[in-house]
Amino acid sequence: MAREVLVVLHAGRGKNRRTAAAIARRLAAAGIRLRVLDDEWAEVECDGLPEDLVPRTVDGLPGCADGAEVVLVLGGDGTLLRAAEMARPVGVPLLGVNLGHVGFLAEAEQESLDAALDAIIDGTYAVEERMTIDSVVRLNGEVLSRSWALNEVAVEKGSRERILEVVLEIDGRPVSGFGCDGVLCATPTGSTAYAFSAGGPLVWPQVEALLLVPSNAHALFARPMVISPSSHVAIEVDPNGPSALLDCDGRRTVELPPGARVELARGAVPVRMVRLDGQPFADRLVRKFDLPVRGWRGAPDGG
């Protein structure tokens, strides 16, 4: 039976589709078959492959990566977050190749694609686990929804005109209440995303912690907090105020009625990510954010 790699593709650009076709041919030459999503692959032209290595289509539902060695993600961070829904339930690692803009979650760039494919073919890659967040929404004790996030869970106001009033609870104790545009609970992986834009700190992926970041809060004490990964967080929405929204990674959104309680904790199931070269996180920050490092001399010889 052929080895298989699930490809999740941002198919809206012709260049991406041509890259996907080249990958199909390259992996087929190594005896590896692609598993693809039908709607993404409709315009990808990769004729001439051996019959037993023609890409086979799957439905794209959570768990459709089951049995694949790797989920190869061709696109930006949004594409990788979509692929995480397919890979997380079955523990298949994600390898992101940035064909978008910043692509902070990607492990490889377009120019290093050949090396990434070599690592898949030879099996010479490492896998690390990334924290997730589980969320439960309750109203008067009744569970309204359950979800999860790799980057962040955001509780946000539902209308531009009304401010959102919330109370934060950590480990069963109230910490602060304020009016705001929203509150984010992020993982270290998500610290470079929405939480960073809202004024939160950058956290190295190897650090185990949860971040709480208020967004445009009207309060004397509404600073970002870095808390224990074992802590349990609750965000309570004012029962006399407007409804709000719960958003997980920009992928899964539910309405929060007045009085809703959002309970957050470290996710029971992590997301597994491929690492190729062990590049320091500091180097990734400099490259992705184009940080100024001119003038750096490094440690003295023999220091």
C-alpha atoms as a PDB file:
ATOM      1  CA  MET A   1       0.000   0.000   0.000  1.00  0.00           C
ATOM      2  CA  ALA A   2       1.383   3.416  -0.973  1.00  0.00           C
ATOM      3  CA  ARG A   3       2.415   5.921   1.638  1.00  0.00           C
ATOM      4  CA  GLU A   4       0.037   8.903   1.748  1.00  0.00           C
ATOM      5  CA  VAL A   5       0.314  12.616   2.482  1.00  0.00           C
ATOM      6  CA  LEU A   6      -2.775  14.797   2.853  1.00  0.00           C
ATOM      7  CA  VAL A   7      -2.394  18.132   1.029  1.00  0.00           C
ATOM      8  CA  VAL A   8      -4.476  21.110   2.109  1.00  0.00           C
ATOM      9  CA  LEU A   9      -4.204  23.857  -0.490  1.00  0.00           C
ATOM     10  CA  HIS A  10      -5.060  27.530  -0.802  1.00  0.00           C
ATOM     11  CA  ALA A  11      -6.263  27.016  -4.354  1.00  0.00           C
ATOM     12  CA  GLY A  12      -7.205  30.591  -5.183  1.00  0.00           C
ATOM     13  CA  ARG A  13      -3.895  31.375  -6.890  1.00  0.00           C
ATOM     14  CA  GLY A  14      -2.618  29.794 -10.085  1.00  0.00           C
ATOM     15  CA  LYS A  15       0.916  29.668  -8.686  1.00  0.00           C
ATOM     16  CA  ASN A  16      -0.283  27.611  -5.723  1.00  0.00           C
ATOM     17  CA  ARG A  17      -2.048  25.135  -8.026  1.00  0.00           C
ATOM     18  CA  ARG A  18       1.081  24.725 -10.149  1.00  0.00           C
ATOM     19  CA  THR A  19       3.132  24.171  -6.998  1.00  0.00           C
ATOM     20  CA  ALA A  20       0.655  21.493  -5.866  1.00  0.00           C
ATOM     21  CA  ALA A  21       0.918  19.702  -9.223  1.00  0.00           C
ATOM     22  CA  ALA A  22       4.723  19.701  -9.015  1.00  0.00           C
ATOM     23  CA  ILE A  23       4.524  18.276  -5.484  1.00  0.00           C
ATOM     24  CA  ALA A  24       2.190  15.498  -6.655  1.00  0.00           C
ATOM     25  CA  ARG A  25       4.704  14.485  -9.339  1.00  0.00           C
ATOM     26  CA  ARG A  26       7.690  14.729  -6.998  1.00  0.00           C
ATOM     27  CA  LEU A  27       6.103  12.615  -4.266  1.00  0.00           C
ATOM     28  CA  ALA A  28       4.685  10.110  -6.767  1.00  0.00           C
ATOM     29  CA  ALA A  29       8.232   9.568  -8.055  1.00  0.00           C
ATOM     30  CA  ALA A  30       9.102   8.548  -4.482  1.00  0.00           C
ATOM     31  CA  GLY A  31       6.092   6.207  -4.258  1.00  0.00           C
ATOM     32  CA  ILE A  32       4.007   8.563  -2.112  1.00  0.00           C
ATOM     33  CA  ARG A  33       0.371   9.216  -2.966  1.00  0.00           C
ATOM     34  CA  LEU A  34      -1.488  12.427  -2.217  1.00  0.00           C
ATOM     35  CA  ARG A  35      -4.803  12.601  -0.408  1.00  0.00           C
ATOM     36  CA  VAL A  36      -6.581  15.811  -1.451  1.00  0.00           C
ATOM     37  CA  LEU A  37      -9.805  17.777  -1.065  1.00  0.00           C
ATOM     38  CA  ASP A  38     -11.934  17.590  -4.192  1.00  0.00           C
ATOM     39  CA  ASP A  39     -12.959  21.255  -4.342  1.00  0.00           C
ATOM     40  CA  GLU A  40      -9.347  22.405  -3.957  1.00  0.00           C
ATOM     41  CA  TRP A  41      -7.954  19.980  -6.521  1.00  0.00           C
ATOM     42  CA  ALA A  42     -10.473  20.568  -9.328  1.00  0.00           C
ATOM     43  CA  GLU A  43      -8.169  22.945 -11.227  1.00  0.00           C
ATOM     44  CA  VAL A  44      -4.831  21.295 -10.396  1.00  0.00           C
ATOM     45  CA  GLU A  45      -3.371  19.679 -13.522  1.00  0.00           C
ATOM     46  CA  CYS A  46      -1.140  16.710 -12.705  1.00  0.00           C
ATOM     47  CA  ASP A  47      -1.877  14.212 -15.477  1.00  0.00           C
ATOM     48  CA  GLY A  48       0.424  11.314 -16.259  1.00  0.00           C
ATOM     49  CA  LEU A  49       0.807   9.889 -12.751  1.00  0.00           C
ATOM     50  CA  PRO A  50       0.780   6.104 -12.295  1.00  0.00           C
ATOM     51  CA  GLU A  51      -2.762   4.865 -11.717  1.00  0.00           C
ATOM     52  CA  ASP A  52      -2.037   3.668  -8.196  1.00  0.00           C
ATOM     53  CA  LEU A  53      -0.553   7.073  -7.271  1.00  0.00           C
ATOM     54  CA  VAL A  54      -3.260   9.362  -8.653  1.00  0.00           C
ATOM     55  CA  PRO A  55      -4.367  11.684  -5.799  1.00  0.00           C
ATOM     56  CA  ARG A  56      -7.489  10.411  -4.038  1.00  0.00           C
ATOM     57  CA  THR A  57     -10.092  12.761  -2.648  1.00  0.00           C
ATOM     58  CA  VAL A  58     -11.422  12.989   0.901  1.00  0.00           C
ATOM     59  CA  ASP A  59     -14.216  15.036   2.448  1.00  0.00           C
ATOM     60  CA  GLY A  60     -12.176  17.519   4.493  1.00  0.00           C
ATOM     61  CA  LEU A  61     -14.017  16.718   7.726  1.00  0.00           C
ATOM     62  CA  PRO A  62     -12.216  16.458  11.077  1.00  0.00           C
ATOM     63  CA  GLY A  63     -10.207  13.241  11.117  1.00  0.00           C
ATOM     64  CA  CYS A  64      -9.903  12.873   7.328  1.00  0.00           C
ATOM     65  CA  ALA A  65      -6.101  12.844   7.791  1.00  0.00           C
ATOM     66  CA  ASP A  66      -6.316   9.470   9.549  1.00  0.00           C
ATOM     67  CA  GLY A  67      -3.596   7.163   8.200  1.00  0.00           C
ATOM     68  CA  ALA A  68      -1.635   9.899   6.441  1.00  0.00           C
ATOM     69  CA  GLU A  69       1.978  10.426   7.449  1.00  0.00           C
ATOM     70  CA  VAL A  70       1.840  14.221   7.293  1.00  0.00           C
ATOM     71  CA  VAL A  71      -0.616  16.977   6.411  1.00  0.00           C
ATOM     72  CA  LEU A  72       1.232  19.221   3.960  1.00  0.00           C
ATOM     73  CA  VAL A  73      -0.298  22.700   4.069  1.00  0.00           C
ATOM     74  CA  LEU A  74       0.246  24.969   1.059  1.00  0.00           C
ATOM     75  CA  GLY A  75      -0.888  28.492   1.857  1.00  0.00           C
ATOM     76  CA  GLY A  76      -0.834  30.881   4.803  1.00  0.00           C
ATOM     77  CA  ASP A  77      -1.785  30.693   8.459  1.00  0.00           C
ATOM     78  CA  GLY A  78      -5.513  30.561   7.691  1.00  0.00           C
ATOM     79  CA  THR A  79      -4.990  27.463   5.558  1.00  0.00           C
ATOM     80  CA  LEU A  80      -2.962  25.835   8.337  1.00  0.00           C
ATOM     81  CA  LEU A  81      -5.669  26.546  10.919  1.00  0.00           C
ATOM     82  CA  ARG A  82      -8.178  24.913   8.583  1.00  0.00           C
ATOM     83  CA  ALA A  83      -5.901  21.892   8.169  1.00  0.00           C
ATOM     84  CA  ALA A  84      -5.505  21.613  11.946  1.00  0.00           C
ATOM     85  CA  GLU A  85      -9.200  20.711  12.171  1.00  0.00           C
ATOM     86  CA  MET A  86      -8.534  17.666   9.983  1.00  0.00           C
ATOM     87  CA  ALA A  87      -5.281  16.585  11.635  1.00  0.00           C
ATOM     88  CA  ARG A  88      -5.780  17.207  15.355  1.00  0.00           C
ATOM     89  CA  PRO A  89      -8.344  14.465  16.105  1.00  0.00           C
ATOM     90  CA  VAL A  90      -6.058  11.752  14.686  1.00  0.00           C
ATOM     91  CA  GLY A  91      -2.664  13.105  15.774  1.00  0.00           C
ATOM     92  CA  VAL A  92      -1.197  13.578  12.285  1.00  0.00           C
ATOM     93  CA  PRO A  93       1.500  16.302  12.196  1.00  0.00           C
ATOM     94  CA  LEU A  94       1.159  19.468  10.099  1.00  0.00           C
ATOM     95  CA  LEU A  95       3.903  20.776   7.841  1.00  0.00           C
ATOM     96  CA  GLY A  96       3.144  24.288   6.648  1.00  0.00           C
ATOM     97  CA  VAL A  97       4.719  25.756   3.513  1.00  0.00           C
ATOM     98  CA  ASN A  98       4.114  29.490   3.369  1.00  0.00           C
ATOM     99  CA  LEU A  99       2.608  30.554   0.056  1.00  0.00           C
ATOM    100  CA  GLY A 100       0.847  33.529   1.650  1.00  0.00           C
ATOM    101  CA  HIS A 101       2.134  36.656   3.380  1.00  0.00           C
ATOM    102  CA  VAL A 102       3.564  36.403   6.909  1.00  0.00           C
ATOM    103  CA  GLY A 103       2.803  32.714   7.403  1.00  0.00           C
ATOM    104  CA  PHE A 104       4.023  32.635  10.986  1.00  0.00           C
ATOM    105  CA  LEU A 105       2.810  29.080  11.574  1.00  0.00           C
ATOM    106  CA  ALA A 106       4.574  27.704   8.486  1.00  0.00           C
ATOM    107  CA  GLU A 107       7.759  25.705   8.879  1.00  0.00           C
ATOM    108  CA  ALA A 108       9.021  26.227   5.311  1.00  0.00           C
ATOM    109  CA  GLU A 109       8.956  28.914   2.644  1.00  0.00           C
ATOM    110  CA  GLN A 110       8.510  28.525  -1.116  1.00  0.00           C
ATOM    111  CA  GLU A 111      12.288  28.597  -1.620  1.00  0.00           C
ATOM    112  CA  SER A 112      12.826  25.754   0.876  1.00  0.00           C
ATOM    113  CA  LEU A 113      10.031  23.538  -0.486  1.00  0.00           C
ATOM    114  CA  ASP A 114      12.444  21.007  -2.015  1.00  0.00           C
ATOM    115  CA  ALA A 115      14.116  20.465   1.357  1.00  0.00           C
ATOM    116  CA  ALA A 116      10.712  20.020   2.997  1.00  0.00           C
ATOM    117  CA  LEU A 117       9.738  17.379   0.426  1.00  0.00           C
ATOM    118  CA  ASP A 118      13.073  15.605   0.952  1.00  0.00           C
ATOM    119  CA  ALA A 119      12.315  15.465   4.684  1.00  0.00           C
ATOM    120  CA  ILE A 120       8.903  13.906   3.998  1.00  0.00           C
ATOM    121  CA  ILE A 121      10.329  11.364   1.550  1.00  0.00           C
ATOM    122  CA  ASP A 122      13.200  10.390   3.860  1.00  0.00           C
ATOM    123  CA  GLY A 123      11.244  10.726   7.105  1.00  0.00           C
ATOM    124  CA  THR A 124      13.933  13.039   8.487  1.00  0.00           C
ATOM    125  CA  TYR A 125      11.827  15.481  10.459  1.00  0.00           C
ATOM    126  CA  ALA A 126      10.963  16.051  14.090  1.00  0.00           C
ATOM    127  CA  VAL A 127       7.488  16.562  15.546  1.00  0.00           C
ATOM    128  CA  GLU A 128       6.551  18.838  18.431  1.00  0.00           C
ATOM    129  CA  GLU A 129       3.256  19.272  20.223  1.00  0.00           C
ATOM    130  CA  ARG A 130       1.557  22.666  20.505  1.00  0.00           C
ATOM    131  CA  MET A 131      -0.871  23.572  23.267  1.00  0.00           C
ATOM    132  CA  THR A 132      -4.512  24.134  22.426  1.00  0.00           C
ATOM    133  CA  ILE A 133      -7.410  25.662  24.364  1.00  0.00           C
ATOM    134  CA  ASP A 134     -10.730  23.944  25.061  1.00  0.00           C
ATOM    135  CA  SER A 135     -13.798  26.144  25.497  1.00  0.00           C
ATOM    136  CA  VAL A 136     -17.203  25.438  27.019  1.00  0.00           C
ATOM    137  CA  VAL A 137     -20.083  27.937  26.881  1.00  0.00           C
ATOM    138  CA  ARG A 138     -22.727  27.687  29.602  1.00  0.00           C
ATOM    139  CA  LEU A 139     -25.899  29.592  30.336  1.00  0.00           C
ATOM    140  CA  ASN A 140     -27.549  28.999  33.713  1.00  0.00           C
ATOM    141  CA  GLY A 141     -25.526  25.797  34.027  1.00  0.00           C
ATOM    142  CA  GLU A 142     -26.609  24.400  30.665  1.00  0.00           C
ATOM    143  CA  VAL A 143     -23.873  23.692  28.084  1.00  0.00           C
ATOM    144  CA  LEU A 144     -24.548  25.640  24.878  1.00  0.00           C
ATOM    145  CA  SER A 145     -21.408  24.733  22.920  1.00  0.00           C
ATOM    146  CA  ARG A 146     -17.955  23.204  23.066  1.00  0.00           C
ATOM    147  CA  SER A 147     -14.998  24.083  20.847  1.00  0.00           C
ATOM    148  CA  TRP A 148     -11.215  24.448  20.783  1.00  0.00           C
ATOM    149  CA  ALA A 149      -8.462  26.670  19.370  1.00  0.00           C
ATOM    150  CA  LEU A 150      -4.797  26.459  18.422  1.00  0.00           C
ATOM    151  CA  ASN A 151      -4.187  30.240  18.402  1.00  0.00           C
ATOM    152  CA  GLU A 152      -6.838  31.901  20.528  1.00  0.00           C
ATOM    153  CA  VAL A 153     -10.377  31.977  21.825  1.00  0.00           C
ATOM    154  CA  ALA A 154     -11.861  35.471  21.580  1.00  0.00           C
ATOM    155  CA  VAL A 155     -14.918  36.756  23.408  1.00  0.00           C
ATOM    156  CA  GLU A 156     -15.956  39.882  21.494  1.00  0.00           C
ATOM    157  CA  LYS A 157     -18.790  42.385  21.535  1.00  0.00           C
ATOM    158  CA  GLY A 158     -21.537  41.568  19.092  1.00  0.00           C
ATOM    159  CA  SER A 159     -22.278  45.097  17.903  1.00  0.00           C
ATOM    160  CA  ARG A 160     -20.141  48.133  17.250  1.00  0.00           C
ATOM    161  CA  GLU A 161     -22.425  50.455  19.216  1.00  0.00           C
ATOM    162  CA  ARG A 162     -22.449  48.595  22.544  1.00  0.00           C
ATOM    163  CA  ILE A 163     -19.530  47.984  24.872  1.00  0.00           C
ATOM    164  CA  LEU A 164     -19.035  44.484  26.268  1.00  0.00           C
ATOM    165  CA  GLU A 165     -19.078  44.181  30.072  1.00  0.00           C
ATOM    166  CA  VAL A 166     -17.237  41.137  31.422  1.00  0.00           C
ATOM    167  CA  VAL A 167     -15.861  39.688  34.640  1.00  0.00           C
ATOM    168  CA  LEU A 168     -12.696  37.572  34.531  1.00  0.00           C
ATOM    169  CA  GLU A 169     -12.284  34.567  36.794  1.00  0.00           C
ATOM    170  CA  ILE A 170      -9.075  32.552  37.243  1.00  0.00           C
ATOM    171  CA  ASP A 171      -9.015  29.287  39.170  1.00  0.00           C
ATOM    172  CA  GLY A 172     -12.420  29.921  40.676  1.00  0.00           C
ATOM    173  CA  ARG A 173     -11.680  33.450  41.904  1.00  0.00           C
ATOM    174  CA  PRO A 174     -12.794  36.796  40.397  1.00  0.00           C
ATOM    175  CA  VAL A 175      -9.880  38.906  39.165  1.00  0.00           C
ATOM    176  CA  SER A 176     -11.288  41.958  37.400  1.00  0.00           C
ATOM    177  CA  GLY A 177     -14.341  43.297  35.619  1.00  0.00           C
ATOM    178  CA  PHE A 178     -14.455  45.955  32.914  1.00  0.00           C
ATOM    179  CA  GLY A 179     -16.012  47.177  29.718  1.00  0.00           C
ATOM    180  CA  CYS A 180     -14.116  46.312  26.554  1.00  0.00           C
ATOM    181  CA  ASP A 181     -14.231  45.335  22.913  1.00  0.00           C
ATOM    182  CA  GLY A 182     -13.304  41.799  23.915  1.00  0.00           C
ATOM    183  CA  VAL A 183     -11.007  39.431  25.797  1.00  0.00           C
ATOM    184  CA  LEU A 184      -8.609  36.945  24.194  1.00  0.00           C
ATOM    185  CA  CYS A 185      -7.273  33.749  25.699  1.00  0.00           C
ATOM    186  CA  ALA A 186      -4.278  32.661  23.614  1.00  0.00           C
ATOM    187  CA  THR A 187      -1.681  29.927  23.518  1.00  0.00           C
ATOM    188  CA  PRO A 188       2.042  30.608  23.027  1.00  0.00           C
ATOM    189  CA  THR A 189       1.514  29.619  19.384  1.00  0.00           C
ATOM    190  CA  GLY A 190      -1.176  32.291  19.115  1.00  0.00           C
ATOM    191  CA  SER A 191       0.880  34.956  20.864  1.00  0.00           C
ATOM    192  CA  THR A 192       2.134  36.192  17.470  1.00  0.00           C
ATOM    193  CA  ALA A 193      -1.390  36.506  16.044  1.00  0.00           C
ATOM    194  CA  TYR A 194      -4.504  38.344  17.272  1.00  0.00           C
ATOM    195  CA  ALA A 195      -3.206  38.554  20.852  1.00  0.00           C
ATOM    196  CA  PHE A 196      -0.066  40.352  19.665  1.00  0.00           C
ATOM    197  CA  SER A 197      -2.146  42.878  17.715  1.00  0.00           C
ATOM    198  CA  ALA A 198      -4.182  43.489  20.889  1.00  0.00           C
ATOM    199  CA  GLY A 199      -1.037  44.334  22.876  1.00  0.00           C
ATOM    200  CA  GLY A 200      -0.131  40.935  24.297  1.00  0.00           C
ATOM    201  CA  PRO A 201       3.452  39.660  24.743  1.00  0.00           C
ATOM    202  CA  LEU A 202       5.316  37.343  22.420  1.00  0.00           C
ATOM    203  CA  VAL A 203       5.779  33.949  24.057  1.00  0.00           C
ATOM    204  CA  TRP A 204       8.210  31.292  22.841  1.00  0.00           C
ATOM    205  CA  PRO A 205       6.325  28.187  21.640  1.00  0.00           C
ATOM    206  CA  GLN A 206       8.245  25.981  24.083  1.00  0.00           C
ATOM    207  CA  VAL A 207       6.816  27.909  27.044  1.00  0.00           C
ATOM    208  CA  GLU A 208       3.721  26.334  28.556  1.00  0.00           C
ATOM    209  CA  ALA A 209       1.324  29.108  29.528  1.00  0.00           C
ATOM    210  CA  LEU A 210      -2.007  30.715  28.759  1.00  0.00           C
ATOM    211  CA  LEU A 211      -2.348  34.393  27.855  1.00  0.00           C
ATOM    212  CA  LEU A 212      -5.272  36.644  28.800  1.00  0.00           C
ATOM    213  CA  VAL A 213      -5.363  39.821  26.720  1.00  0.00           C
ATOM    214  CA  PRO A 214      -8.150  42.423  27.063  1.00  0.00           C
ATOM    215  CA  SER A 215      -8.951  44.359  23.890  1.00  0.00           C
ATOM    216  CA  ASN A 216      -9.550  48.122  24.274  1.00  0.00           C
ATOM    217  CA  ALA A 217     -10.623  47.805  27.896  1.00  0.00           C
ATOM    218  CA  HIS A 218     -11.968  50.764  29.889  1.00  0.00           C
ATOM    219  CA  ALA A 219     -10.303  49.940  33.210  1.00  0.00           C
ATOM    220  CA  LEU A 220      -7.344  50.804  35.423  1.00  0.00           C
ATOM    221  CA  PHE A 221      -6.367  47.143  35.650  1.00  0.00           C
ATOM    222  CA  ALA A 222      -6.753  45.451  32.317  1.00  0.00           C
ATOM    223  CA  ARG A 223      -3.201  44.469  31.439  1.00  0.00           C
ATOM    224  CA  PRO A 224      -2.299  41.263  29.570  1.00  0.00           C
ATOM    225  CA  MET A 225      -1.601  38.371  31.915  1.00  0.00           C
ATOM    226  CA  VAL A 226       0.484  35.227  31.473  1.00  0.00           C
ATOM    227  CA  ILE A 227      -0.954  32.484  33.658  1.00  0.00           C
ATOM    228  CA  SER A 228      -0.321  28.849  34.480  1.00  0.00           C
ATOM    229  CA  PRO A 229      -1.125  26.298  31.758  1.00  0.00           C
ATOM    230  CA  SER A 230      -3.088  24.356  34.387  1.00  0.00           C
ATOM    231  CA  SER A 231      -5.255  27.342  35.323  1.00  0.00           C
ATOM    232  CA  HIS A 232      -8.965  27.420  34.555  1.00  0.00           C
ATOM    233  CA  VAL A 233     -10.316  30.682  33.168  1.00  0.00           C
ATOM    234  CA  ALA A 234     -13.894  31.920  32.954  1.00  0.00           C
ATOM    235  CA  ILE A 235     -15.192  35.007  31.174  1.00  0.00           C
ATOM    236  CA  GLU A 236     -18.663  36.003  32.322  1.00  0.00           C
ATOM    237  CA  VAL A 237     -20.808  38.200  30.080  1.00  0.00           C
ATOM    238  CA  ASP A 238     -23.015  40.772  31.828  1.00  0.00           C
ATOM    239  CA  PRO A 239     -26.571  39.338  32.061  1.00  0.00           C
ATOM    240  CA  ASN A 240     -27.987  42.863  31.642  1.00  0.00           C
ATOM    241  CA  GLY A 241     -25.874  43.768  28.652  1.00  0.00           C
ATOM    242  CA  PRO A 242     -25.874  42.926  24.944  1.00  0.00           C
ATOM    243  CA  SER A 243     -25.062  39.554  23.432  1.00  0.00           C
ATOM    244  CA  ALA A 244     -21.480  38.768  22.415  1.00  0.00           C
ATOM    245  CA  LEU A 245     -19.576  36.422  20.116  1.00  0.00           C
ATOM    246  CA  LEU A 246     -17.191  33.558  20.807  1.00  0.00           C
ATOM    247  CA  ASP A 247     -14.605  33.037  18.071  1.00  0.00           C
ATOM    248  CA  CYS A 248     -12.084  30.185  17.979  1.00  0.00           C
ATOM    249  CA  ASP A 249      -9.167  30.777  15.581  1.00  0.00           C
ATOM    250  CA  GLY A 250     -11.462  32.719  13.254  1.00  0.00           C
ATOM    251  CA  ARG A 251     -12.858  29.322  12.235  1.00  0.00           C
ATOM    252  CA  ARG A 252     -15.638  28.495  14.703  1.00  0.00           C
ATOM    253  CA  THR A 253     -18.018  31.202  15.928  1.00  0.00           C
ATOM    254  CA  VAL A 254     -21.074  31.049  18.201  1.00  0.00           C
ATOM    255  CA  GLU A 255     -23.319  33.744  19.667  1.00  0.00           C
ATOM    256  CA  LEU A 256     -23.108  34.344  23.408  1.00  0.00           C
ATOM    257  CA  PRO A 257     -26.406  35.436  24.964  1.00  0.00           C
ATOM    258  CA  PRO A 258     -26.376  37.888  27.882  1.00  0.00           C
ATOM    259  CA  GLY A 259     -25.298  36.073  31.042  1.00  0.00           C
ATOM    260  CA  ALA A 260     -23.241  33.461  29.194  1.00  0.00           C
ATOM    261  CA  ARG A 261     -20.185  32.003  30.896  1.00  0.00           C
ATOM    262  CA  VAL A 262     -17.195  30.949  28.783  1.00  0.00           C
ATOM    263  CA  GLU A 263     -14.929  28.407  30.510  1.00  0.00           C
ATOM    264  CA  LEU A 264     -11.416  27.952  29.121  1.00  0.00           C
ATOM    265  CA  ALA A 265      -8.644  25.498  29.918  1.00  0.00           C
ATOM    266  CA  ARG A 266      -5.661  23.828  28.351  1.00  0.00           C
ATOM    267  CA  GLY A 267      -6.837  21.619  25.512  1.00  0.00           C
ATOM    268  CA  ALA A 268      -6.987  17.882  26.084  1.00  0.00           C
ATOM    269  CA  VAL A 269      -5.661  17.235  22.546  1.00  0.00           C
ATOM    270  CA  PRO A 270      -2.623  19.140  21.217  1.00  0.00           C
ATOM    271  CA  VAL A 271      -1.816  19.949  17.603  1.00  0.00           C
ATOM    272  CA  ARG A 272       1.302  18.212  16.293  1.00  0.00           C
ATOM    273  CA  MET A 273       3.653  20.289  14.117  1.00  0.00           C
ATOM    274  CA  VAL A 274       6.605  19.225  11.966  1.00  0.00           C
ATOM    275  CA  ARG A 275       9.995  20.813  12.671  1.00  0.00           C
ATOM    276  CA  LEU A 276      12.641  20.607   9.967  1.00  0.00           C
ATOM    277  CA  ASP A 277      15.819  22.410  10.962  1.00  0.00           C
ATOM    278  CA  GLY A 278      15.496  23.434  14.603  1.00  0.00           C
ATOM    279  CA  GLN A 279      15.745  27.131  13.679  1.00  0.00           C
ATOM    280  CA  PRO A 280      15.657  29.326  16.822  1.00  0.00           C
ATOM    281  CA  PHE A 281      12.381  31.137  17.403  1.00  0.00           C
ATOM    282  CA  ALA A 282      14.309  34.420  17.582  1.00  0.00           C
ATOM    283  CA  ASP A 283      15.396  33.954  13.963  1.00  0.00           C
ATOM    284  CA  ARG A 284      11.799  33.377  12.932  1.00  0.00           C
ATOM    285  CA  LEU A 285      10.716  36.585  14.675  1.00  0.00           C
ATOM    286  CA  VAL A 286      13.395  38.593  12.892  1.00  0.00           C
ATOM    287  CA  ARG A 287      12.534  37.119   9.487  1.00  0.00           C
ATOM    288  CA  LYS A 288       8.753  37.289   9.733  1.00  0.00           C
ATOM    289  CA  PHE A 289       8.544  40.753  11.307  1.00  0.00           C
ATOM    290  CA  ASP A 290      11.580  42.138   9.466  1.00  0.00           C
ATOM    291  CA  LEU A 291      13.073  43.279  12.782  1.00  0.00           C
ATOM    292  CA  PRO A 292      16.111  45.620  12.795  1.00  0.00           C
ATOM    293  CA  VAL A 293      19.193  43.712  13.988  1.00  0.00           C
ATOM    294  CA  ARG A 294      21.878  45.750  12.235  1.00  0.00           C
ATOM    295  CA  GLY A 295      24.796  46.383  14.562  1.00  0.00           C
ATOM    296  CA  TRP A 296      24.513  43.086  16.463  1.00  0.00           C
ATOM    297  CA  ARG A 297      27.997  41.765  17.303  1.00  0.00           C
ATOM    298  CA  GLY A 298      27.213  38.613  19.257  1.00  0.00           C
ATOM    299  CA  ALA A 299      29.086  37.143  22.217  1.00  0.00           C
ATOM    300  CA  PRO A 300      32.838  37.853  22.403  1.00  0.00           C
ATOM    301  CA  ASP A 301      35.106  34.990  21.345  1.00  0.00           C
ATOM    302  CA  GLY A 302      35.776  32.762  24.329  1.00  0.00           C
ATOM    303  CA  GLY A 303      33.100  34.606  26.342  1.00  0.00           C
END
